[in-house]
């Protein structure tokens, strides 16, 4: 299996994410790449899930999406202020894909560091 197919095995991967990962993992051996895919797959988030968590904010549980994306302080602030009176929640609905992409890139870098540093 070539490197492209290994990365394509990540469930729900987007074309943009695939291009980013191909570039980021270009120097990895096949064994390192398999380890990377295993680690990264467990950490990455799906944009549709983040959208769903954001929509739940309108039911009075604002900020869940921020907790899921490891933004605990913002999650607490959203929860206590009803998502900044729902304005922040609306902004997050609009930006859910970019928020997810940013998180996934951070997790890709973290996974790469783990694989290249030997954990």
PDB file of N, CA and C in Angstrom:
ATOM      1  N   UNK A   1       0.858  -1.177   0.000  1.00  0.00           N
ATOM      2  CA  UNK A   1       0.000   0.000   0.000  1.00  0.00           C
ATOM      3  C   UNK A   1       0.903   1.238   0.000  1.00  0.00           C
ATOM      4  N   UNK A   2       0.656   2.150  -0.936  1.00  0.00           N
ATOM      5  CA  UNK A   2       1.511   3.332  -0.967  1.00  0.00           C
ATOM      6  C   UNK A   2       1.043   4.372   0.042  1.00  0.00           C
ATOM      7  N   UNK A   3       1.854   5.407   0.232  1.00  0.00           N
ATOM      8  CA  UNK A   3       1.582   6.414   1.257  1.00  0.00           C
ATOM      9  C   UNK A   3       0.233   7.084   1.072  1.00  0.00           C
ATOM     10  N   UNK A   4      -0.134   7.377  -0.180  1.00  0.00           N
ATOM     11  CA  UNK A   4      -1.405   8.045  -0.449  1.00  0.00           C
ATOM     12  C   UNK A   4      -2.574   7.177   0.036  1.00  0.00           C
ATOM     13  N   UNK A   5      -2.524   5.881  -0.230  1.00  0.00           N
ATOM     14  CA  UNK A   5      -3.613   4.990   0.180  1.00  0.00           C
ATOM     15  C   UNK A   5      -3.703   4.852   1.687  1.00  0.00           C
ATOM     16  N   UNK A   6      -2.565   4.858   2.368  1.00  0.00           N
ATOM     17  CA  UNK A   6      -2.576   4.761   3.825  1.00  0.00           C
ATOM     18  C   UNK A   6      -3.282   5.977   4.417  1.00  0.00           C
ATOM     19  N   UNK A   7      -2.964   7.166   3.892  1.00  0.00           N
ATOM     20  CA  UNK A   7      -3.609   8.382   4.388  1.00  0.00           C
ATOM     21  C   UNK A   7      -5.088   8.421   4.026  1.00  0.00           C
ATOM     22  N   UNK A   8      -5.431   7.892   2.865  1.00  0.00           N
ATOM     23  CA  UNK A   8      -6.837   7.894   2.443  1.00  0.00           C
ATOM     24  C   UNK A   8      -7.687   6.939   3.280  1.00  0.00           C
ATOM     25  N   UNK A   9      -7.037   6.070   4.030  1.00  0.00           N
ATOM     26  CA  UNK A   9      -7.789   5.144   4.884  1.00  0.00           C
ATOM     27  C   UNK A   9      -8.353   5.834   6.125  1.00  0.00           C
ATOM     28  N   UNK A  10      -7.938   7.087   6.372  1.00  0.00           N
ATOM     29  CA  UNK A  10      -8.452   7.838   7.518  1.00  0.00           C
ATOM     30  C   UNK A  10      -9.912   8.196   7.229  1.00  0.00           C
ATOM     31  N   UNK A  11     -10.791   7.749   8.080  1.00  0.00           N
ATOM     32  CA  UNK A  11     -12.221   7.938   7.859  1.00  0.00           C
ATOM     33  C   UNK A  11     -12.606   9.410   7.894  1.00  0.00           C
ATOM     34  N   UNK A  12     -13.329   9.869   6.868  1.00  0.00           N
ATOM     35  CA  UNK A  12     -13.836  11.228   6.818  1.00  0.00           C
ATOM     36  C   UNK A  12     -12.821  12.273   6.399  1.00  0.00           C
ATOM     37  N   UNK A  13     -11.675  11.856   5.885  1.00  0.00           N
ATOM     38  CA  UNK A  13     -10.639  12.817   5.508  1.00  0.00           C
ATOM     39  C   UNK A  13     -11.112  13.664   4.324  1.00  0.00           C
ATOM     40  N   UNK A  14     -10.819  14.947   4.382  1.00  0.00           N
ATOM     41  CA  UNK A  14     -11.202  15.867   3.306  1.00  0.00           C
ATOM     42  C   UNK A  14     -10.030  16.008   2.334  1.00  0.00           C
ATOM     43  N   UNK A  15     -10.295  16.440   1.106  1.00  0.00           N
ATOM     44  CA  UNK A  15      -9.189  16.627   0.148  1.00  0.00           C
ATOM     45  C   UNK A  15      -8.123  17.604   0.649  1.00  0.00           C
ATOM     46  N   UNK A  16      -8.552  18.683   1.304  1.00  0.00           N
ATOM     47  CA  UNK A  16      -7.594  19.658   1.828  1.00  0.00           C
ATOM     48  C   UNK A  16      -6.726  19.042   2.919  1.00  0.00           C
ATOM     49  N   UNK A  17      -7.368  18.266   3.787  1.00  0.00           N
ATOM     50  CA  UNK A  17      -6.652  17.604   4.874  1.00  0.00           C
ATOM     51  C   UNK A  17      -5.667  16.583   4.301  1.00  0.00           C
ATOM     52  N   UNK A  18      -6.091  15.842   3.275  1.00  0.00           N
ATOM     53  CA  UNK A  18      -5.226  14.858   2.637  1.00  0.00           C
ATOM     54  C   UNK A  18      -3.981  15.523   2.060  1.00  0.00           C
ATOM     55  N   UNK A  19      -4.166  16.649   1.386  1.00  0.00           N
ATOM     56  CA  UNK A  19      -3.017  17.364   0.816  1.00  0.00           C
ATOM     57  C   UNK A  19      -2.062  17.826   1.912  1.00  0.00           C
ATOM     58  N   UNK A  20      -2.612  18.363   2.999  1.00  0.00           N
ATOM     59  CA  UNK A  20      -1.780  18.812   4.123  1.00  0.00           C
ATOM     60  C   UNK A  20      -0.990  17.636   4.698  1.00  0.00           C
ATOM     61  N   UNK A  21      -1.662  16.515   4.908  1.00  0.00           N
ATOM     62  CA  UNK A  21      -1.001  15.350   5.499  1.00  0.00           C
ATOM     63  C   UNK A  21       0.041  14.747   4.567  1.00  0.00           C
ATOM     64  N   UNK A  22      -0.250  14.741   3.269  1.00  0.00           N
ATOM     65  CA  UNK A  22       0.740  14.214   2.318  1.00  0.00           C
ATOM     66  C   UNK A  22       2.022  15.033   2.380  1.00  0.00           C
ATOM     67  N   UNK A  23       1.873  16.330   2.437  1.00  0.00           N
ATOM     68  CA  UNK A  23       3.045  17.201   2.528  1.00  0.00           C
ATOM     69  C   UNK A  23       3.772  17.005   3.866  1.00  0.00           C
ATOM     70  N   UNK A  24       3.014  16.940   4.942  1.00  0.00           N
ATOM     71  CA  UNK A  24       3.603  16.842   6.274  1.00  0.00           C
ATOM     72  C   UNK A  24       4.303  15.502   6.507  1.00  0.00           C
ATOM     73  N   UNK A  25       3.824  14.445   5.860  1.00  0.00           N
ATOM     74  CA  UNK A  25       4.361  13.101   6.115  1.00  0.00           C
ATOM     75  C   UNK A  25       5.266  12.603   5.000  1.00  0.00           C
ATOM     76  N   UNK A  26       5.655  13.468   4.096  1.00  0.00           N
ATOM     77  CA  UNK A  26       6.427  13.059   2.916  1.00  0.00           C
ATOM     78  C   UNK A  26       7.732  12.352   3.271  1.00  0.00           C
ATOM     79  N   UNK A  27       8.348  12.696   4.374  1.00  0.00           N
ATOM     80  CA  UNK A  27       9.657  12.121   4.711  1.00  0.00           C
ATOM     81  C   UNK A  27       9.571  10.900   5.633  1.00  0.00           C
ATOM     82  N   UNK A  28       8.377  10.496   6.004  1.00  0.00           N
ATOM     83  CA  UNK A  28       8.232   9.359   6.917  1.00  0.00           C
ATOM     84  C   UNK A  28       8.411   8.032   6.186  1.00  0.00           C
ATOM     85  N   UNK A  29       8.971   7.050   6.898  1.00  0.00           N
ATOM     86  CA  UNK A  29       9.034   5.698   6.362  1.00  0.00           C
ATOM     87  C   UNK A  29       7.631   5.098   6.413  1.00  0.00           C
ATOM     88  N   UNK A  30       7.445   3.969   5.763  1.00  0.00           N
ATOM     89  CA  UNK A  30       6.121   3.352   5.751  1.00  0.00           C
ATOM     90  C   UNK A  30       5.673   2.964   7.165  1.00  0.00           C
ATOM     91  N   UNK A  31       6.601   2.480   7.963  1.00  0.00           N
ATOM     92  CA  UNK A  31       6.276   2.102   9.346  1.00  0.00           C
ATOM     93  C   UNK A  31       5.902   3.327  10.178  1.00  0.00           C
ATOM     94  N   UNK A  32       6.667   4.418  10.020  1.00  0.00           N
ATOM     95  CA  UNK A  32       6.350   5.657  10.728  1.00  0.00           C
ATOM     96  C   UNK A  32       4.997   6.201  10.283  1.00  0.00           C
ATOM     97  N   UNK A  33       4.721   6.090   8.991  1.00  0.00           N
ATOM     98  CA  UNK A  33       3.448   6.578   8.466  1.00  0.00           C
ATOM     99  C   UNK A  33       2.279   5.787   9.048  1.00  0.00           C
ATOM    100  N   UNK A  34       2.441   4.495   9.168  1.00  0.00           N
ATOM    101  CA  UNK A  34       1.381   3.678   9.777  1.00  0.00           C
ATOM    102  C   UNK A  34       1.151   4.091  11.231  1.00  0.00           C
ATOM    103  N   UNK A  35       2.228   4.349  11.953  1.00  0.00           N
ATOM    104  CA  UNK A  35       2.095   4.806  13.336  1.00  0.00           C
ATOM    105  C   UNK A  35       1.416   6.167  13.389  1.00  0.00           C
ATOM    106  N   UNK A  36       1.808   7.053  12.467  1.00  0.00           N
ATOM    107  CA  UNK A  36       1.202   8.377  12.403  1.00  0.00           C
ATOM    108  C   UNK A  36      -0.302   8.271  12.171  1.00  0.00           C
ATOM    109  N   UNK A  37      -0.704   7.468  11.194  1.00  0.00           N
ATOM    110  CA  UNK A  37      -2.134   7.327  10.867  1.00  0.00           C
ATOM    111  C   UNK A  37      -2.889   6.787  12.075  1.00  0.00           C
ATOM    112  N   UNK A  38      -2.306   5.827  12.770  1.00  0.00           N
ATOM    113  CA  UNK A  38      -2.954   5.274  13.963  1.00  0.00           C
ATOM    114  C   UNK A  38      -3.162   6.357  15.021  1.00  0.00           C
ATOM    115  N   UNK A  39      -2.108   7.124  15.302  1.00  0.00           N
ATOM    116  CA  UNK A  39      -2.197   8.187  16.317  1.00  0.00           C
ATOM    117  C   UNK A  39      -3.155   9.293  15.883  1.00  0.00           C
ATOM    118  N   UNK A  40      -2.988   9.778  14.671  1.00  0.00           N
ATOM    119  CA  UNK A  40      -3.772  10.906  14.170  1.00  0.00           C
ATOM    120  C   UNK A  40      -5.256  10.567  14.065  1.00  0.00           C
ATOM    121  N   UNK A  41      -5.557   9.360  13.627  1.00  0.00           N
ATOM    122  CA  UNK A  41      -6.964   8.956  13.483  1.00  0.00           C
ATOM    123  C   UNK A  41      -7.714   9.021  14.802  1.00  0.00           C
ATOM    124  N   UNK A  42      -7.027   8.724  15.878  1.00  0.00           N
ATOM    125  CA  UNK A  42      -7.656   8.764  17.187  1.00  0.00           C
ATOM    126  C   UNK A  42      -7.838  10.174  17.742  1.00  0.00           C
ATOM    127  N   UNK A  43      -7.097  11.130  17.194  1.00  0.00           N
ATOM    128  CA  UNK A  43      -7.135  12.492  17.724  1.00  0.00           C
ATOM    129  C   UNK A  43      -7.982  13.448  16.891  1.00  0.00           C
ATOM    130  N   UNK A  44      -8.097  13.190  15.600  1.00  0.00           N
ATOM    131  CA  UNK A  44      -8.741  14.159  14.701  1.00  0.00           C
ATOM    132  C   UNK A  44     -10.243  14.238  14.974  1.00  0.00           C
ATOM    133  N   UNK A  45     -10.816  15.363  14.591  1.00  0.00           N
ATOM    134  CA  UNK A  45     -12.258  15.601  14.763  1.00  0.00           C
ATOM    135  C   UNK A  45     -12.894  15.793  13.401  1.00  0.00           C
ATOM    136  N   UNK A  46     -14.181  15.497  13.341  1.00  0.00           N
ATOM    137  CA  UNK A  46     -14.963  15.635  12.121  1.00  0.00           C
ATOM    138  C   UNK A  46     -15.721  16.958  12.177  1.00  0.00           C
ATOM    139  N   UNK A  47     -15.699  17.719  11.083  1.00  0.00           N
ATOM    140  CA  UNK A  47     -16.350  19.031  11.048  1.00  0.00           C
ATOM    141  C   UNK A  47     -17.857  18.928  11.306  1.00  0.00           C
ATOM    142  N   UNK A  48     -18.498  17.857  10.839  1.00  0.00           N
ATOM    143  CA  UNK A  48     -19.932  17.704  11.074  1.00  0.00           C
ATOM    144  C   UNK A  48     -20.239  17.504  12.558  1.00  0.00           C
ATOM    145  N   UNK A  49     -19.363  16.809  13.250  1.00  0.00           N
ATOM    146  CA  UNK A  49     -19.550  16.633  14.694  1.00  0.00           C
ATOM    147  C   UNK A  49     -19.427  17.967  15.426  1.00  0.00           C
ATOM    148  N   UNK A  50     -18.457  18.774  15.017  1.00  0.00           N
ATOM    149  CA  UNK A  50     -18.275  20.086  15.644  1.00  0.00           C
ATOM    150  C   UNK A  50     -19.494  20.960  15.364  1.00  0.00           C
ATOM    151  N   UNK A  51     -20.056  20.869  14.158  1.00  0.00           N
ATOM    152  CA  UNK A  51     -21.273  21.623  13.828  1.00  0.00           C
ATOM    153  C   UNK A  51     -22.429  21.180  14.729  1.00  0.00           C
ATOM    154  N   UNK A  52     -22.571  19.881  14.938  1.00  0.00           N
ATOM    155  CA  UNK A  52     -23.634  19.359  15.800  1.00  0.00           C
ATOM    156  C   UNK A  52     -23.462  19.851  17.236  1.00  0.00           C
ATOM    157  N   UNK A  53     -22.244  19.788  17.759  1.00  0.00           N
ATOM    158  CA  UNK A  53     -21.988  20.271  19.118  1.00  0.00           C
ATOM    159  C   UNK A  53     -22.271  21.762  19.237  1.00  0.00           C
ATOM    160  N   UNK A  54     -21.972  22.506  18.183  1.00  0.00           N
ATOM    161  CA  UNK A  54     -22.242  23.947  18.193  1.00  0.00           C
ATOM    162  C   UNK A  54     -23.739  24.209  18.208  1.00  0.00           C
ATOM    163  N   UNK A  55     -24.491  23.461  17.415  1.00  0.00           N
ATOM    164  CA  UNK A  55     -25.949  23.634  17.375  1.00  0.00           C
ATOM    165  C   UNK A  55     -26.594  23.323  18.725  1.00  0.00           C
ATOM    166  N   UNK A  56     -26.008  22.401  19.469  1.00  0.00           N
ATOM    167  CA  UNK A  56     -26.517  22.084  20.802  1.00  0.00           C
ATOM    168  C   UNK A  56     -26.442  23.313  21.705  1.00  0.00           C
ATOM    169  N   UNK A  57     -25.557  24.244  21.374  1.00  0.00           N
ATOM    170  CA  UNK A  57     -25.416  25.482  22.133  1.00  0.00           C
ATOM    171  C   UNK A  57     -26.705  26.292  22.190  1.00  0.00           C
ATOM    172  N   UNK A  58     -27.555  26.137  21.202  1.00  0.00           N
ATOM    173  CA  UNK A  58     -28.822  26.872  21.204  1.00  0.00           C
ATOM    174  C   UNK A  58     -29.842  26.269  22.169  1.00  0.00           C
ATOM    175  N   UNK A  59     -29.540  25.097  22.704  1.00  0.00           N
ATOM    176  CA  UNK A  59     -30.431  24.450  23.666  1.00  0.00           C
ATOM    177  C   UNK A  59     -30.030  24.761  25.108  1.00  0.00           C
ATOM    178  N   UNK A  60     -29.037  25.622  25.269  1.00  0.00           N
ATOM    179  CA  UNK A  60     -28.617  26.008  26.607  1.00  0.00           C
ATOM    180  C   UNK A  60     -27.311  25.385  27.055  1.00  0.00           C
ATOM    181  N   UNK A  61     -26.691  24.571  26.206  1.00  0.00           N
ATOM    182  CA  UNK A  61     -25.424  23.925  26.543  1.00  0.00           C
ATOM    183  C   UNK A  61     -24.299  24.485  25.672  1.00  0.00           C
ATOM    184  N   UNK A  62     -24.196  25.791  25.637  1.00  0.00           N
ATOM    185  CA  UNK A  62     -23.208  26.456  24.783  1.00  0.00           C
ATOM    186  C   UNK A  62     -21.790  26.102  25.204  1.00  0.00           C
ATOM    187  N   UNK A  63     -20.919  25.975  24.217  1.00  0.00           N
ATOM    188  CA  UNK A  63     -19.498  25.771  24.480  1.00  0.00           C
ATOM    189  C   UNK A  63     -19.013  24.350  24.348  1.00  0.00           C
ATOM    190  N   UNK A  64     -19.897  23.398  24.114  1.00  0.00           N
ATOM    191  CA  UNK A  64     -19.457  21.998  24.010  1.00  0.00           C
ATOM    192  C   UNK A  64     -18.407  21.858  22.915  1.00  0.00           C
ATOM    193  N   UNK A  65     -18.618  22.549  21.791  1.00  0.00           N
ATOM    194  CA  UNK A  65     -17.659  22.462  20.689  1.00  0.00           C
ATOM    195  C   UNK A  65     -16.275  22.936  21.114  1.00  0.00           C
ATOM    196  N   UNK A  66     -16.208  23.910  21.997  1.00  0.00           N
ATOM    197  CA  UNK A  66     -14.920  24.416  22.467  1.00  0.00           C
ATOM    198  C   UNK A  66     -14.223  23.396  23.372  1.00  0.00           C
ATOM    199  N   UNK A  67     -15.003  22.703  24.201  1.00  0.00           N
ATOM    200  CA  UNK A  67     -14.419  21.649  25.036  1.00  0.00           C
ATOM    201  C   UNK A  67     -13.875  20.530  24.158  1.00  0.00           C
ATOM    202  N   UNK A  68     -14.633  20.128  23.138  1.00  0.00           N
ATOM    203  CA  UNK A  68     -14.224  19.051  22.244  1.00  0.00           C
ATOM    204  C   UNK A  68     -12.933  19.412  21.508  1.00  0.00           C
ATOM    205  N   UNK A  69     -12.751  20.697  21.194  1.00  0.00           N
ATOM    206  CA  UNK A  69     -11.556  21.157  20.487  1.00  0.00           C
ATOM    207  C   UNK A  69     -10.430  21.557  21.442  1.00  0.00           C
ATOM    208  N   UNK A  70     -10.518  21.116  22.687  1.00  0.00           N
ATOM    209  CA  UNK A  70      -9.509  21.376  23.728  1.00  0.00           C
ATOM    210  C   UNK A  70      -9.329  22.856  24.034  1.00  0.00           C
ATOM    211  N   UNK A  71     -10.377  23.632  23.894  1.00  0.00           N
ATOM    212  CA  UNK A  71     -10.354  25.053  24.250  1.00  0.00           C
ATOM    213  C   UNK A  71     -11.204  25.214  25.514  1.00  0.00           C
ATOM    214  N   UNK A  72     -10.687  24.674  26.611  1.00  0.00           N
ATOM    215  CA  UNK A  72     -11.449  24.573  27.853  1.00  0.00           C
ATOM    216  C   UNK A  72     -11.868  25.940  28.392  1.00  0.00           C
ATOM    217  N   UNK A  73     -10.962  26.894  28.416  1.00  0.00           N
ATOM    218  CA  UNK A  73     -11.296  28.224  28.955  1.00  0.00           C
ATOM    219  C   UNK A  73     -12.441  28.859  28.152  1.00  0.00           C
ATOM    220  N   UNK A  74     -12.354  28.784  26.825  1.00  0.00           N
ATOM    221  CA  UNK A  74     -13.427  29.336  25.995  1.00  0.00           C
ATOM    222  C   UNK A  74     -14.726  28.553  26.201  1.00  0.00           C
ATOM    223  N   UNK A  75     -14.625  27.258  26.409  1.00  0.00           N
ATOM    224  CA  UNK A  75     -15.809  26.448  26.670  1.00  0.00           C
ATOM    225  C   UNK A  75     -16.519  26.895  27.933  1.00  0.00           C
ATOM    226  N   UNK A  76     -15.755  27.175  28.983  1.00  0.00           N
ATOM    227  CA  UNK A  76     -16.338  27.651  30.237  1.00  0.00           C
ATOM    228  C   UNK A  76     -16.985  29.020  30.031  1.00  0.00           C
ATOM    229  N   UNK A  77     -16.281  29.907  29.329  1.00  0.00           N
ATOM    230  CA  UNK A  77     -16.836  31.237  29.071  1.00  0.00           C
ATOM    231  C   UNK A  77     -18.126  31.132  28.259  1.00  0.00           C
ATOM    232  N   UNK A  78     -18.124  30.307  27.224  1.00  0.00           N
ATOM    233  CA  UNK A  78     -19.340  30.127  26.415  1.00  0.00           C
ATOM    234  C   UNK A  78     -20.476  29.590  27.282  1.00  0.00           C
ATOM    235  N   UNK A  79     -20.162  28.605  28.122  1.00  0.00           N
ATOM    236  CA  UNK A  79     -21.205  28.005  28.954  1.00  0.00           C
ATOM    237  C   UNK A  79     -21.814  29.027  29.903  1.00  0.00           C
ATOM    238  N   UNK A  80     -20.973  29.835  30.514  1.00  0.00           N
ATOM    239  CA  UNK A  80     -21.459  30.808  31.503  1.00  0.00           C
ATOM    240  C   UNK A  80     -22.176  32.002  30.876  1.00  0.00           C
ATOM    241  N   UNK A  81     -21.897  32.294  29.609  1.00  0.00           N
ATOM    242  CA  UNK A  81     -22.498  33.463  28.957  1.00  0.00           C
ATOM    243  C   UNK A  81     -23.484  33.077  27.857  1.00  0.00           C
ATOM    244  N   UNK A  82     -23.912  31.799  27.846  1.00  0.00           N
ATOM    245  CA  UNK A  82     -24.778  31.286  26.777  1.00  0.00           C
ATOM    246  C   UNK A  82     -24.184  31.565  25.398  1.00  0.00           C
ATOM    247  N   UNK A  83     -22.909  31.267  25.270  1.00  0.00           N
ATOM    248  CA  UNK A  83     -22.240  31.467  23.987  1.00  0.00           C
ATOM    249  C   UNK A  83     -22.168  32.919  23.599  1.00  0.00           C
ATOM    250  N   UNK A  84     -21.821  33.767  24.602  1.00  0.00           N
ATOM    251  CA  UNK A  84     -21.822  35.230  24.412  1.00  0.00           C
ATOM    252  C   UNK A  84     -23.179  35.662  23.882  1.00  0.00           C
ATOM    253  N   UNK A  85     -24.220  35.237  24.580  1.00  0.00           N
ATOM    254  CA  UNK A  85     -25.615  35.533  24.185  1.00  0.00           C
ATOM    255  C   UNK A  85     -25.893  35.033  22.772  1.00  0.00           C
ATOM    256  N   UNK A  86     -25.397  33.884  22.443  1.00  0.00           N
ATOM    257  CA  UNK A  86     -25.566  33.164  21.182  1.00  0.00           C
ATOM    258  C   UNK A  86     -24.812  33.770  20.012  1.00  0.00           C
ATOM    259  N   UNK A  87     -24.232  34.942  20.160  1.00  0.00           N
ATOM    260  CA  UNK A  87     -23.475  35.536  19.058  1.00  0.00           C
ATOM    261  C   UNK A  87     -22.229  34.697  18.764  1.00  0.00           C
ATOM    262  N   UNK A  88     -21.510  34.308  19.804  1.00  0.00           N
ATOM    263  CA  UNK A  88     -20.330  33.462  19.622  1.00  0.00           C
ATOM    264  C   UNK A  88     -20.698  32.110  19.043  1.00  0.00           C
ATOM    265  N   UNK A  89     -21.851  31.587  19.441  1.00  0.00           N
ATOM    266  CA  UNK A  89     -22.317  30.306  18.909  1.00  0.00           C
ATOM    267  C   UNK A  89     -22.616  30.428  17.415  1.00  0.00           C
ATOM    268  N   UNK A  90     -23.233  31.528  17.006  1.00  0.00           N
ATOM    269  CA  UNK A  90     -23.515  31.753  15.588  1.00  0.00           C
ATOM    270  C   UNK A  90     -22.208  31.869  14.800  1.00  0.00           C
ATOM    271  N   UNK A  91     -21.240  32.581  15.358  1.00  0.00           N
ATOM    272  CA  UNK A  91     -19.935  32.713  14.699  1.00  0.00           C
ATOM    273  C   UNK A  91     -19.276  31.339  14.572  1.00  0.00           C
ATOM    274  N   UNK A  92     -19.382  30.521  15.609  1.00  0.00           N
ATOM    275  CA  UNK A  92     -18.791  29.184  15.559  1.00  0.00           C
ATOM    276  C   UNK A  92     -19.486  28.295  14.537  1.00  0.00           C
ATOM    277  N   UNK A  93     -20.786  28.464  14.341  1.00  0.00           N
ATOM    278  CA  UNK A  93     -21.490  27.696  13.301  1.00  0.00           C
ATOM    279  C   UNK A  93     -20.901  28.054  11.936  1.00  0.00           C
ATOM    280  N   UNK A  94     -20.672  29.323  11.724  1.00  0.00           N
ATOM    281  CA  UNK A  94     -20.106  29.775  10.455  1.00  0.00           C
ATOM    282  C   UNK A  94     -18.674  29.270  10.282  1.00  0.00           C
ATOM    283  N   UNK A  95     -17.917  29.267  11.372  1.00  0.00           N
ATOM    284  CA  UNK A  95     -16.489  28.920  11.318  1.00  0.00           C
ATOM    285  C   UNK A  95     -16.171  27.488  11.733  1.00  0.00           C
ATOM    286  N   UNK A  96     -17.166  26.619  11.852  1.00  0.00           N
ATOM    287  CA  UNK A  96     -16.912  25.272  12.383  1.00  0.00           C
ATOM    288  C   UNK A  96     -15.883  24.498  11.566  1.00  0.00           C
ATOM    289  N   UNK A  97     -15.886  24.660  10.266  1.00  0.00           N
ATOM    290  CA  UNK A  97     -14.932  23.922   9.426  1.00  0.00           C
ATOM    291  C   UNK A  97     -13.508  24.417   9.656  1.00  0.00           C
ATOM    292  N   UNK A  98     -13.309  25.721   9.691  1.00  0.00           N
ATOM    293  CA  UNK A  98     -11.951  26.229   9.898  1.00  0.00           C
ATOM    294  C   UNK A  98     -11.454  25.915  11.309  1.00  0.00           C
ATOM    295  N   UNK A  99     -12.356  25.931  12.288  1.00  0.00           N
ATOM    296  CA  UNK A  99     -11.968  25.564  13.658  1.00  0.00           C
ATOM    297  C   UNK A  99     -11.514  24.106  13.699  1.00  0.00           C
ATOM    298  N   UNK A 100     -12.247  23.242  12.995  1.00  0.00           N
ATOM    299  CA  UNK A 100     -11.903  21.823  12.953  1.00  0.00           C
ATOM    300  C   UNK A 100     -10.595  21.609  12.214  1.00  0.00           C
ATOM    301  N   UNK A 101     -10.412  22.294  11.081  1.00  0.00           N
ATOM    302  CA  UNK A 101      -9.165  22.175  10.318  1.00  0.00           C
ATOM    303  C   UNK A 101      -7.963  22.595  11.146  1.00  0.00           C
ATOM    304  N   UNK A 102      -8.096  23.696  11.872  1.00  0.00           N
ATOM    305  CA  UNK A 102      -7.007  24.177  12.725  1.00  0.00           C
ATOM    306  C   UNK A 102      -6.670  23.149  13.810  1.00  0.00           C
ATOM    307  N   UNK A 103      -7.693  22.604  14.435  1.00  0.00           N
ATOM    308  CA  UNK A 103      -7.485  21.582  15.467  1.00  0.00           C
ATOM    309  C   UNK A 103      -6.787  20.357  14.864  1.00  0.00           C
ATOM    310  N   UNK A 104      -7.284  19.893  13.703  1.00  0.00           N
ATOM    311  CA  UNK A 104      -6.712  18.702  13.075  1.00  0.00           C
ATOM    312  C   UNK A 104      -5.263  18.921  12.661  1.00  0.00           C
ATOM    313  N   UNK A 105      -4.925  20.112  12.193  1.00  0.00           N
ATOM    314  CA  UNK A 105      -3.533  20.394  11.851  1.00  0.00           C
ATOM    315  C   UNK A 105      -2.654  20.365  13.094  1.00  0.00           C
ATOM    316  N   UNK A 106      -3.166  20.884  14.196  1.00  0.00           N
ATOM    317  CA  UNK A 106      -2.427  20.850  15.460  1.00  0.00           C
ATOM    318  C   UNK A 106      -2.214  19.394  15.903  1.00  0.00           C
ATOM    319  N   UNK A 107      -3.235  18.560  15.739  1.00  0.00           N
ATOM    320  CA  UNK A 107      -3.114  17.152  16.119  1.00  0.00           C
ATOM    321  C   UNK A 107      -2.170  16.407  15.178  1.00  0.00           C
ATOM    322  N   UNK A 108      -2.138  16.805  13.900  1.00  0.00           N
ATOM    323  CA  UNK A 108      -1.208  16.196  12.948  1.00  0.00           C
ATOM    324  C   UNK A 108       0.230  16.511  13.354  1.00  0.00           C
ATOM    325  N   UNK A 109       0.488  17.771  13.707  1.00  0.00           N
ATOM    326  CA  UNK A 109       1.843  18.149  14.149  1.00  0.00           C
ATOM    327  C   UNK A 109       2.227  17.392  15.420  1.00  0.00           C
ATOM    328  N   UNK A 110       1.280  17.279  16.347  1.00  0.00           N
ATOM    329  CA  UNK A 110       1.548  16.552  17.593  1.00  0.00           C
ATOM    330  C   UNK A 110       1.844  15.082  17.306  1.00  0.00           C
ATOM    331  N   UNK A 111       1.061  14.478  16.421  1.00  0.00           N
ATOM    332  CA  UNK A 111       1.267  13.069  16.067  1.00  0.00           C
ATOM    333  C   UNK A 111       2.599  12.874  15.357  1.00  0.00           C
ATOM    334  N   UNK A 112       2.949  13.806  14.477  1.00  0.00           N
ATOM    335  CA  UNK A 112       4.252  13.736  13.793  1.00  0.00           C
ATOM    336  C   UNK A 112       5.396  13.804  14.796  1.00  0.00           C
ATOM    337  N   UNK A 113       5.292  14.709  15.749  1.00  0.00           N
ATOM    338  CA  UNK A 113       6.339  14.827  16.771  1.00  0.00           C
ATOM    339  C   UNK A 113       6.477  13.537  17.557  1.00  0.00           C
ATOM    340  N   UNK A 114       5.355  12.903  17.850  1.00  0.00           N
ATOM    341  CA  UNK A 114       5.401  11.645  18.596  1.00  0.00           C
ATOM    342  C   UNK A 114       6.065  10.545  17.782  1.00  0.00           C
ATOM    343  N   UNK A 115       5.720  10.458  16.491  1.00  0.00           N
ATOM    344  CA  UNK A 115       6.273   9.412  15.643  1.00  0.00           C
ATOM    345  C   UNK A 115       7.761   9.645  15.388  1.00  0.00           C
ATOM    346  N   UNK A 116       8.128  10.878  15.120  1.00  0.00           N
ATOM    347  CA  UNK A 116       9.527  11.175  14.798  1.00  0.00           C
ATOM    348  C   UNK A 116      10.403  11.206  16.046  1.00  0.00           C
ATOM    349  N   UNK A 117       9.810  11.521  17.179  1.00  0.00           N
ATOM    350  CA  UNK A 117      10.566  11.566  18.423  1.00  0.00           C
ATOM    351  C   UNK A 117      10.561  10.240  19.171  1.00  0.00           C
ATOM    352  N   UNK A 118       9.852   9.266  18.622  1.00  0.00           N
ATOM    353  CA  UNK A 118       9.804   7.959  19.264  1.00  0.00           C
ATOM    354  C   UNK A 118       8.941   7.960  20.521  1.00  0.00           C
ATOM    355  N   UNK A 119       7.929   8.819  20.542  1.00  0.00           N
ATOM    356  CA  UNK A 119       7.005   8.938  21.675  1.00  0.00           C
ATOM    357  C   UNK A 119       7.731   9.597  22.791  1.00  0.00           C
TER     358      UNK A 119
END
